Amino acid sequence: MKIVVIGGTGLIGSKLVTKLTEHGHEAVAASPNTGVNTLTGEGLAEVLTGAQVVVDVSNSPSFERAAVLKFFETSTGNLLAAEAEAGVGHHVAVSIVGTERMPDNGYFAAKIVQEQLIEKSGIPFSLVHSTQFFEFARGIADEGTVDGKVHMAPVLFQPIAGDDVAKTVGRTAVGSPLNGRVEIAGPEQFRMDEFFRQALTAWGDPREVVTDPHARYFGSELSERSLVPIDDATLGTIRYLDWLGSTDTGK
């Protein structure tokens, strides 16, 4: 089937396009650098012609509260309107585990708005809620650094490899619409402060990790289960230290 991947040249999108193509599908990477812009609508009608499924793994270039909200409102609105016009039968979007538990977080609030637009669109849909990607661990450590020390809350943390995310998103895309969500997480659950102690040691990073119950996560204070699935989740198979030690990831 023809599957258009919005954000198809990014971290998850590029992996997804490769996996879908390997399984015989016509996977089309759609992004501004391939001539498709969901903010302006440029190229949308053309790329969606004949598409059965659209997978949206695009992301806002800015995480500032007003900017990220405008991005997801505009991009998702334009995309859903174009899908309705093209007769697309399944819209798949990647979101974040715990969005509804941290509405004070501007990025999470914008993702909630995105999901509401999808749910109200009338287009059959599936939402894939993922925990944090391994690939973002260094950025999380940098965000939590204060005066040269990495401040992390001792809450539950269950990150997942981008390859495992792409695998589940691909399976969801070729399956029947859920008209609901599936949650995915990594195979190992950690305390967030302990994960980063292990990770920084593995990276050879000399920064000290400070256990701080009030440490902020991109502006939000965390509770015990803010970042992990509440109910059953589909678990990936790739462990962090194995991923880190592989030849083409984690470097």
C-alpha atoms as a PDB file:
ATOM      1  CA  MET A   1       0.000   0.000   0.000  1.00  0.00           C
ATOM      2  CA  LYS A   2       1.047   3.637  -0.360  1.00  0.00           C
ATOM      3  CA  ILE A   3       2.010   5.083   3.022  1.00  0.00           C
ATOM      4  CA  VAL A   4       3.030   8.725   3.307  1.00  0.00           C
ATOM      5  CA  VAL A   5       5.332   9.481   6.239  1.00  0.00           C
ATOM      6  CA  ILE A   6       5.155  13.110   7.354  1.00  0.00           C
ATOM      7  CA  GLY A   7       8.534  13.912   8.860  1.00  0.00           C
ATOM      8  CA  GLY A   8       9.879  11.006   6.839  1.00  0.00           C
ATOM      9  CA  THR A   9      13.454  12.306   6.714  1.00  0.00           C
ATOM     10  CA  GLY A  10      13.804  12.632  10.509  1.00  0.00           C
ATOM     11  CA  LEU A  11      14.989  10.199  13.186  1.00  0.00           C
ATOM     12  CA  ILE A  12      11.926   7.928  13.369  1.00  0.00           C
ATOM     13  CA  GLY A  13      10.566   8.774   9.924  1.00  0.00           C
ATOM     14  CA  SER A  14      13.671   7.663   8.052  1.00  0.00           C
ATOM     15  CA  LYS A  15      13.781   4.364   9.958  1.00  0.00           C
ATOM     16  CA  LEU A  16      10.069   3.852   9.284  1.00  0.00           C
ATOM     17  CA  VAL A  17      10.361   4.521   5.543  1.00  0.00           C
ATOM     18  CA  THR A  18      13.178   1.957   5.336  1.00  0.00           C
ATOM     19  CA  LYS A  19      11.230  -0.710   7.253  1.00  0.00           C
ATOM     20  CA  LEU A  20       8.023  -0.209   5.242  1.00  0.00           C
ATOM     21  CA  THR A  21       9.921  -0.313   1.950  1.00  0.00           C
ATOM     22  CA  GLU A  22      11.640  -3.550   3.000  1.00  0.00           C
ATOM     23  CA  HIS A  23       8.170  -5.044   3.528  1.00  0.00           C
ATOM     24  CA  GLY A  24       7.064  -4.133   0.012  1.00  0.00           C
ATOM     25  CA  HIS A  25       5.075  -0.977   0.657  1.00  0.00           C
ATOM     26  CA  GLU A  26       5.343   2.273  -1.256  1.00  0.00           C
ATOM     27  CA  ALA A  27       6.647   4.446   1.599  1.00  0.00           C
ATOM     28  CA  VAL A  28       6.987   8.122   0.712  1.00  0.00           C
ATOM     29  CA  ALA A  29       9.098  10.429   2.891  1.00  0.00           C
ATOM     30  CA  ALA A  30       7.334  13.800   3.081  1.00  0.00           C
ATOM     31  CA  SER A  31       9.048  16.797   4.626  1.00  0.00           C
ATOM     32  CA  PRO A  32       9.966  20.371   3.665  1.00  0.00           C
ATOM     33  CA  ASN A  33      13.187  19.170   2.049  1.00  0.00           C
ATOM     34  CA  THR A  34      11.213  16.800  -0.194  1.00  0.00           C
ATOM     35  CA  GLY A  35       8.793  19.590  -1.170  1.00  0.00           C
ATOM     36  CA  VAL A  36       5.996  18.887   1.308  1.00  0.00           C
ATOM     37  CA  ASN A  37       5.225  21.507   3.957  1.00  0.00           C
ATOM     38  CA  THR A  38       2.336  20.837   6.321  1.00  0.00           C
ATOM     39  CA  LEU A  39       2.494  24.393   7.722  1.00  0.00           C
ATOM     40  CA  THR A  40       1.835  26.013   4.345  1.00  0.00           C
ATOM     41  CA  GLY A  41       0.076  23.087   2.678  1.00  0.00           C
ATOM     42  CA  GLU A  42       2.667  23.021  -0.117  1.00  0.00           C
ATOM     43  CA  GLY A  43       2.804  19.639  -1.861  1.00  0.00           C
ATOM     44  CA  LEU A  44       0.236  17.954   0.383  1.00  0.00           C
ATOM     45  CA  ALA A  45      -2.431  17.273  -2.229  1.00  0.00           C
ATOM     46  CA  GLU A  46       0.111  15.826  -4.636  1.00  0.00           C
ATOM     47  CA  VAL A  47       1.876  13.528  -2.165  1.00  0.00           C
ATOM     48  CA  LEU A  48      -1.402  12.196  -0.725  1.00  0.00           C
ATOM     49  CA  THR A  49      -2.812  11.171  -4.099  1.00  0.00           C
ATOM     50  CA  GLY A  50      -3.477   7.432  -3.910  1.00  0.00           C
ATOM     51  CA  ALA A  51      -2.295   7.125  -0.294  1.00  0.00           C
ATOM     52  CA  GLN A  52      -4.109   4.655   1.942  1.00  0.00           C
ATOM     53  CA  VAL A  53      -2.258   5.603   5.144  1.00  0.00           C
ATOM     54  CA  VAL A  54      -0.559   8.701   6.531  1.00  0.00           C
ATOM     55  CA  VAL A  55       1.893   8.471   9.420  1.00  0.00           C
ATOM     56  CA  ASP A  56       2.747  11.747  11.142  1.00  0.00           C
ATOM     57  CA  VAL A  57       6.088  11.725  12.958  1.00  0.00           C
ATOM     58  CA  SER A  58       6.826  15.399  12.337  1.00  0.00           C
ATOM     59  CA  ASN A  59       8.034  17.665  15.109  1.00  0.00           C
ATOM     60  CA  SER A  60       8.070  21.347  15.902  1.00  0.00           C
ATOM     61  CA  PRO A  61      11.365  23.154  15.243  1.00  0.00           C
ATOM     62  CA  SER A  62      10.748  25.179  18.422  1.00  0.00           C
ATOM     63  CA  PHE A  63       9.704  23.908  21.859  1.00  0.00           C
ATOM     64  CA  GLU A  64       8.615  27.378  23.044  1.00  0.00           C
ATOM     65  CA  ARG A  65       5.035  27.028  24.321  1.00  0.00           C
ATOM     66  CA  ALA A  66       3.232  29.281  21.818  1.00  0.00           C
ATOM     67  CA  ALA A  67       5.364  28.163  18.873  1.00  0.00           C
ATOM     68  CA  VAL A  68       4.915  24.446  19.465  1.00  0.00           C
ATOM     69  CA  LEU A  69       1.155  24.842  19.911  1.00  0.00           C
ATOM     70  CA  LYS A  70       0.891  26.813  16.662  1.00  0.00           C
ATOM     71  CA  PHE A  71       2.965  24.190  14.867  1.00  0.00           C
ATOM     72  CA  PHE A  72       0.815  21.214  15.850  1.00  0.00           C
ATOM     73  CA  GLU A  73      -2.494  23.083  15.393  1.00  0.00           C
ATOM     74  CA  THR A  74      -1.570  24.343  11.926  1.00  0.00           C
ATOM     75  CA  SER A  75       0.311  21.306  10.666  1.00  0.00           C
ATOM     76  CA  THR A  76      -2.222  18.755  11.897  1.00  0.00           C
ATOM     77  CA  GLY A  77      -5.188  20.829  10.708  1.00  0.00           C
ATOM     78  CA  ASN A  78      -3.763  21.178   7.207  1.00  0.00           C
ATOM     79  CA  LEU A  79      -2.786  17.519   7.056  1.00  0.00           C
ATOM     80  CA  LEU A  80      -6.174  16.193   8.177  1.00  0.00           C
ATOM     81  CA  ALA A  81      -8.016  18.447   5.718  1.00  0.00           C
ATOM     82  CA  ALA A  82      -5.826  17.212   2.864  1.00  0.00           C
ATOM     83  CA  GLU A  83      -6.319  13.595   3.956  1.00  0.00           C
ATOM     84  CA  ALA A  84     -10.097  14.014   3.956  1.00  0.00           C
ATOM     85  CA  GLU A  85      -9.928  15.453   0.447  1.00  0.00           C
ATOM     86  CA  ALA A  86      -7.687  12.599  -0.740  1.00  0.00           C
ATOM     87  CA  GLY A  87      -9.773   9.854   0.891  1.00  0.00           C
ATOM     88  CA  VAL A  88      -7.010   8.578   3.183  1.00  0.00           C
ATOM     89  CA  GLY A  89      -8.332   5.723   5.325  1.00  0.00           C
ATOM     90  CA  HIS A  90      -5.934   5.644   8.279  1.00  0.00           C
ATOM     91  CA  HIS A  91      -4.078   8.401  10.128  1.00  0.00           C
ATOM     92  CA  VAL A  92      -1.289   7.320  12.476  1.00  0.00           C
ATOM     93  CA  ALA A  93       0.445   9.759  14.818  1.00  0.00           C
ATOM     94  CA  VAL A  94       3.252   9.348  17.313  1.00  0.00           C
ATOM     95  CA  SER A  95       2.729  11.021  20.670  1.00  0.00           C
ATOM     96  CA  ILE A  96       4.203  10.762  24.156  1.00  0.00           C
ATOM     97  CA  VAL A  97       3.383   8.537  27.129  1.00  0.00           C
ATOM     98  CA  GLY A  98       2.018  10.724  29.915  1.00  0.00           C
ATOM     99  CA  THR A  99       0.856  13.753  27.899  1.00  0.00           C
ATOM    100  CA  GLU A 100      -2.342  14.045  29.915  1.00  0.00           C
ATOM    101  CA  ARG A 101      -0.406  13.791  33.211  1.00  0.00           C
ATOM    102  CA  MET A 102       1.684  16.926  32.579  1.00  0.00           C
ATOM    103  CA  PRO A 103      -0.658  19.517  31.032  1.00  0.00           C
ATOM    104  CA  ASP A 104       1.513  22.291  32.513  1.00  0.00           C
ATOM    105  CA  ASN A 105       4.257  21.269  30.074  1.00  0.00           C
ATOM    106  CA  GLY A 106       3.883  23.354  26.919  1.00  0.00           C
ATOM    107  CA  TYR A 107       5.070  20.632  24.555  1.00  0.00           C
ATOM    108  CA  PHE A 108       2.816  17.990  26.115  1.00  0.00           C
ATOM    109  CA  ALA A 109      -0.145  20.406  26.029  1.00  0.00           C
ATOM    110  CA  ALA A 110       0.428  20.934  22.305  1.00  0.00           C
ATOM    111  CA  LYS A 111       0.507  17.176  21.708  1.00  0.00           C
ATOM    112  CA  ILE A 112      -2.836  16.878  23.526  1.00  0.00           C
ATOM    113  CA  VAL A 113      -4.311  19.448  21.137  1.00  0.00           C
ATOM    114  CA  GLN A 114      -2.892  17.483  18.192  1.00  0.00           C
ATOM    115  CA  GLU A 115      -4.525  14.285  19.448  1.00  0.00           C
ATOM    116  CA  GLN A 116      -7.880  16.026  19.941  1.00  0.00           C
ATOM    117  CA  LEU A 117      -7.814  17.293  16.350  1.00  0.00           C
ATOM    118  CA  ILE A 118      -7.124  13.752  15.118  1.00  0.00           C
ATOM    119  CA  GLU A 119      -9.868  12.213  17.249  1.00  0.00           C
ATOM    120  CA  LYS A 120     -12.453  14.739  16.013  1.00  0.00           C
ATOM    121  CA  SER A 121     -11.433  14.562  12.343  1.00  0.00           C
ATOM    122  CA  GLY A 122     -13.661  11.643  11.353  1.00  0.00           C
ATOM    123  CA  ILE A 123     -10.669   9.886   9.764  1.00  0.00           C
ATOM    124  CA  PRO A 124      -9.947   6.434  11.239  1.00  0.00           C
ATOM    125  CA  PHE A 125      -6.828   6.803  13.370  1.00  0.00           C
ATOM    126  CA  SER A 126      -4.242   5.186  15.602  1.00  0.00           C
ATOM    127  CA  LEU A 127      -2.123   6.956  18.221  1.00  0.00           C
ATOM    128  CA  VAL A 128       1.208   5.488  19.267  1.00  0.00           C
ATOM    129  CA  HIS A 129       2.248   6.847  22.671  1.00  0.00           C
ATOM    130  CA  SER A 130       5.963   6.315  23.195  1.00  0.00           C
ATOM    131  CA  THR A 131       8.303   6.842  26.092  1.00  0.00           C
ATOM    132  CA  GLN A 132      11.484   8.873  25.538  1.00  0.00           C
ATOM    133  CA  PHE A 133      13.864   7.685  22.818  1.00  0.00           C
ATOM    134  CA  PHE A 134      17.381   6.488  23.635  1.00  0.00           C
ATOM    135  CA  GLU A 135      18.565   8.986  21.025  1.00  0.00           C
ATOM    136  CA  PHE A 136      17.367  11.884  23.198  1.00  0.00           C
ATOM    137  CA  ALA A 137      19.135  10.813  26.421  1.00  0.00           C
ATOM    138  CA  ARG A 138      22.076  13.178  25.981  1.00  0.00           C
ATOM    139  CA  GLY A 139      19.721  16.087  25.360  1.00  0.00           C
ATOM    140  CA  ILE A 140      17.765  15.236  28.511  1.00  0.00           C
ATOM    141  CA  ALA A 141      21.017  15.198  30.511  1.00  0.00           C
ATOM    142  CA  ASP A 142      22.033  18.560  29.068  1.00  0.00           C
ATOM    143  CA  GLU A 143      18.603  20.030  29.839  1.00  0.00           C
ATOM    144  CA  GLY A 144      18.918  18.869  33.463  1.00  0.00           C
ATOM    145  CA  THR A 145      22.403  20.302  33.960  1.00  0.00           C
ATOM    146  CA  VAL A 146      22.733  23.089  36.533  1.00  0.00           C
ATOM    147  CA  ASP A 147      26.173  24.488  37.400  1.00  0.00           C
ATOM    148  CA  GLY A 148      27.857  21.519  35.752  1.00  0.00           C
ATOM    149  CA  LYS A 149      25.820  18.863  37.595  1.00  0.00           C
ATOM    150  CA  VAL A 150      23.003  16.792  36.102  1.00  0.00           C
ATOM    151  CA  HIS A 151      19.903  17.053  38.307  1.00  0.00           C
ATOM    152  CA  MET A 152      17.494  14.130  37.906  1.00  0.00           C
ATOM    153  CA  ALA A 153      14.400  13.114  39.837  1.00  0.00           C
ATOM    154  CA  PRO A 154      14.322   9.554  41.258  1.00  0.00           C
ATOM    155  CA  VAL A 155      11.158   8.678  39.300  1.00  0.00           C
ATOM    156  CA  LEU A 156      10.463   5.764  36.971  1.00  0.00           C
ATOM    157  CA  PHE A 157      11.995   6.001  33.490  1.00  0.00           C
ATOM    158  CA  GLN A 158      11.620   3.498  30.637  1.00  0.00           C
ATOM    159  CA  PRO A 159      13.227   4.816  27.427  1.00  0.00           C
ATOM    160  CA  ILE A 160      13.032   3.030  24.091  1.00  0.00           C
ATOM    161  CA  ALA A 161      15.216   2.663  20.996  1.00  0.00           C
ATOM    162  CA  GLY A 162      14.166   4.544  17.871  1.00  0.00           C
ATOM    163  CA  ASP A 163      14.328   1.270  15.902  1.00  0.00           C
ATOM    164  CA  ASP A 164      11.776  -0.302  18.278  1.00  0.00           C
ATOM    165  CA  VAL A 165       9.535   2.740  17.882  1.00  0.00           C
ATOM    166  CA  ALA A 166       9.702   2.527  14.089  1.00  0.00           C
ATOM    167  CA  LYS A 167       8.898  -1.190  14.195  1.00  0.00           C
ATOM    168  CA  THR A 168       5.720  -0.695  16.230  1.00  0.00           C
ATOM    169  CA  VAL A 169       4.632   2.362  14.251  1.00  0.00           C
ATOM    170  CA  GLY A 170       5.084   0.373  11.043  1.00  0.00           C
ATOM    171  CA  ARG A 171       2.978  -2.516  12.318  1.00  0.00           C
ATOM    172  CA  THR A 172       0.303  -0.056  13.420  1.00  0.00           C
ATOM    173  CA  ALA A 173       0.312   1.679  10.040  1.00  0.00           C
ATOM    174  CA  VAL A 174      -0.325  -1.512   8.064  1.00  0.00           C
ATOM    175  CA  GLY A 175      -2.942  -2.774  10.524  1.00  0.00           C
ATOM    176  CA  SER A 176      -6.553  -1.793  11.060  1.00  0.00           C
ATOM    177  CA  PRO A 177      -7.138   1.631  12.658  1.00  0.00           C
ATOM    178  CA  LEU A 178      -7.351   1.417  16.451  1.00  0.00           C
ATOM    179  CA  ASN A 179      -9.457   4.564  16.870  1.00  0.00           C
ATOM    180  CA  GLY A 180      -7.536   4.719  20.119  1.00  0.00           C
ATOM    181  CA  ARG A 181      -3.966   4.366  21.345  1.00  0.00           C
ATOM    182  CA  VAL A 182      -1.219   1.869  21.943  1.00  0.00           C
ATOM    183  CA  GLU A 183       1.595   2.601  24.419  1.00  0.00           C
ATOM    184  CA  ILE A 184       5.183   1.534  23.828  1.00  0.00           C
ATOM    185  CA  ALA A 185       8.225   1.552  26.114  1.00  0.00           C
ATOM    186  CA  GLY A 186      11.670   0.065  26.411  1.00  0.00           C
ATOM    187  CA  PRO A 187      12.336  -3.401  27.880  1.00  0.00           C
ATOM    188  CA  GLU A 188      13.955  -2.047  31.055  1.00  0.00           C
ATOM    189  CA  GLN A 189      12.558   0.234  33.737  1.00  0.00           C
ATOM    190  CA  PHE A 190      14.953   2.386  35.758  1.00  0.00           C
ATOM    191  CA  ARG A 191      14.989   5.147  38.319  1.00  0.00           C
ATOM    192  CA  MET A 192      15.715   8.219  36.213  1.00  0.00           C
ATOM    193  CA  ASP A 193      18.672   9.375  38.339  1.00  0.00           C
ATOM    194  CA  GLU A 194      20.207   5.882  38.291  1.00  0.00           C
ATOM    195  CA  PHE A 195      19.748   5.556  34.527  1.00  0.00           C
ATOM    196  CA  PHE A 196      21.676   8.746  33.973  1.00  0.00           C
ATOM    197  CA  ARG A 197      24.434   7.743  36.387  1.00  0.00           C
ATOM    198  CA  GLN A 198      24.922   4.583  34.347  1.00  0.00           C
ATOM    199  CA  ALA A 199      24.576   6.430  31.046  1.00  0.00           C
ATOM    200  CA  LEU A 200      27.063   9.188  31.867  1.00  0.00           C
ATOM    201  CA  THR A 201      29.563   6.580  33.021  1.00  0.00           C
ATOM    202  CA  ALA A 202      29.094   4.676  29.749  1.00  0.00           C
ATOM    203  CA  TRP A 203      29.490   7.907  27.776  1.00  0.00           C
ATOM    204  CA  GLY A 204      32.699   8.757  29.640  1.00  0.00           C
ATOM    205  CA  ASP A 205      31.003  11.965  30.795  1.00  0.00           C
ATOM    206  CA  PRO A 206      32.503  13.314  34.035  1.00  0.00           C
ATOM    207  CA  ARG A 207      29.420  15.249  35.173  1.00  0.00           C
ATOM    208  CA  GLU A 208      27.975  14.263  38.542  1.00  0.00           C
ATOM    209  CA  VAL A 209      24.319  13.166  38.619  1.00  0.00           C
ATOM    210  CA  VAL A 210      22.450  14.715  41.560  1.00  0.00           C
ATOM    211  CA  THR A 211      19.302  13.013  42.854  1.00  0.00           C
ATOM    212  CA  ASP A 212      16.804  15.861  43.123  1.00  0.00           C
ATOM    213  CA  PRO A 213      13.094  15.088  43.733  1.00  0.00           C
ATOM    214  CA  HIS A 214      12.247  18.591  42.477  1.00  0.00           C
ATOM    215  CA  ALA A 215      14.376  18.463  39.340  1.00  0.00           C
ATOM    216  CA  ARG A 216      12.463  19.826  36.375  1.00  0.00           C
ATOM    217  CA  TYR A 217      11.930  17.859  33.197  1.00  0.00           C
ATOM    218  CA  PHE A 218      11.743  20.456  30.404  1.00  0.00           C
ATOM    219  CA  GLY A 219      10.018  22.803  32.850  1.00  0.00           C
ATOM    220  CA  SER A 220       7.777  20.307  34.656  1.00  0.00           C
ATOM    221  CA  GLU A 221       8.146  18.635  38.042  1.00  0.00           C
ATOM    222  CA  LEU A 222       7.683  14.879  37.791  1.00  0.00           C
ATOM    223  CA  SER A 223       5.663  12.422  39.841  1.00  0.00           C
ATOM    224  CA  GLU A 224       6.531   8.741  40.231  1.00  0.00           C
ATOM    225  CA  ARG A 225       4.847   7.564  37.013  1.00  0.00           C
ATOM    226  CA  SER A 226       4.766  10.722  34.863  1.00  0.00           C
ATOM    227  CA  LEU A 227       6.990   9.221  32.155  1.00  0.00           C
ATOM    228  CA  VAL A 228       6.035   5.529  32.101  1.00  0.00           C
ATOM    229  CA  PRO A 229       2.935   3.649  30.932  1.00  0.00           C
ATOM    230  CA  ILE A 230       0.168   3.223  33.496  1.00  0.00           C
ATOM    231  CA  ASP A 231      -1.278   0.046  31.979  1.00  0.00           C
ATOM    232  CA  ASP A 232       0.095  -2.675  29.738  1.00  0.00           C
ATOM    233  CA  ALA A 233       2.449  -1.465  27.041  1.00  0.00           C
ATOM    234  CA  THR A 234       4.138  -3.010  24.037  1.00  0.00           C
ATOM    235  CA  LEU A 235       7.792  -3.360  25.023  1.00  0.00           C
ATOM    236  CA  GLY A 236      10.785  -3.000  22.746  1.00  0.00           C
ATOM    237  CA  THR A 237      13.566  -5.574  22.712  1.00  0.00           C
ATOM    238  CA  ILE A 238      16.697  -3.397  22.529  1.00  0.00           C
ATOM    239  CA  ARG A 239      18.433  -2.662  25.848  1.00  0.00           C
ATOM    240  CA  TYR A 240      20.117   0.683  26.335  1.00  0.00           C
ATOM    241  CA  LEU A 241      23.684  -0.470  26.943  1.00  0.00           C
ATOM    242  CA  ASP A 242      23.465  -2.888  24.000  1.00  0.00           C
ATOM    243  CA  TRP A 243      22.211  -0.050  21.802  1.00  0.00           C
ATOM    244  CA  LEU A 244      24.925   2.263  23.054  1.00  0.00           C
ATOM    245  CA  GLY A 245      27.615  -0.285  22.274  1.00  0.00           C
ATOM    246  CA  SER A 246      26.409  -1.041  18.759  1.00  0.00           C
ATOM    247  CA  THR A 247      28.442   0.175  15.803  1.00  0.00           C
ATOM    248  CA  ASP A 248      26.009   2.664  14.273  1.00  0.00           C
ATOM    249  CA  THR A 249      23.985   3.991  17.217  1.00  0.00           C
ATOM    250  CA  GLY A 250      24.640   5.828  20.398  1.00  0.00           C
ATOM    251  CA  LYS A 251      27.787   7.513  19.198  1.00  0.00           C
END
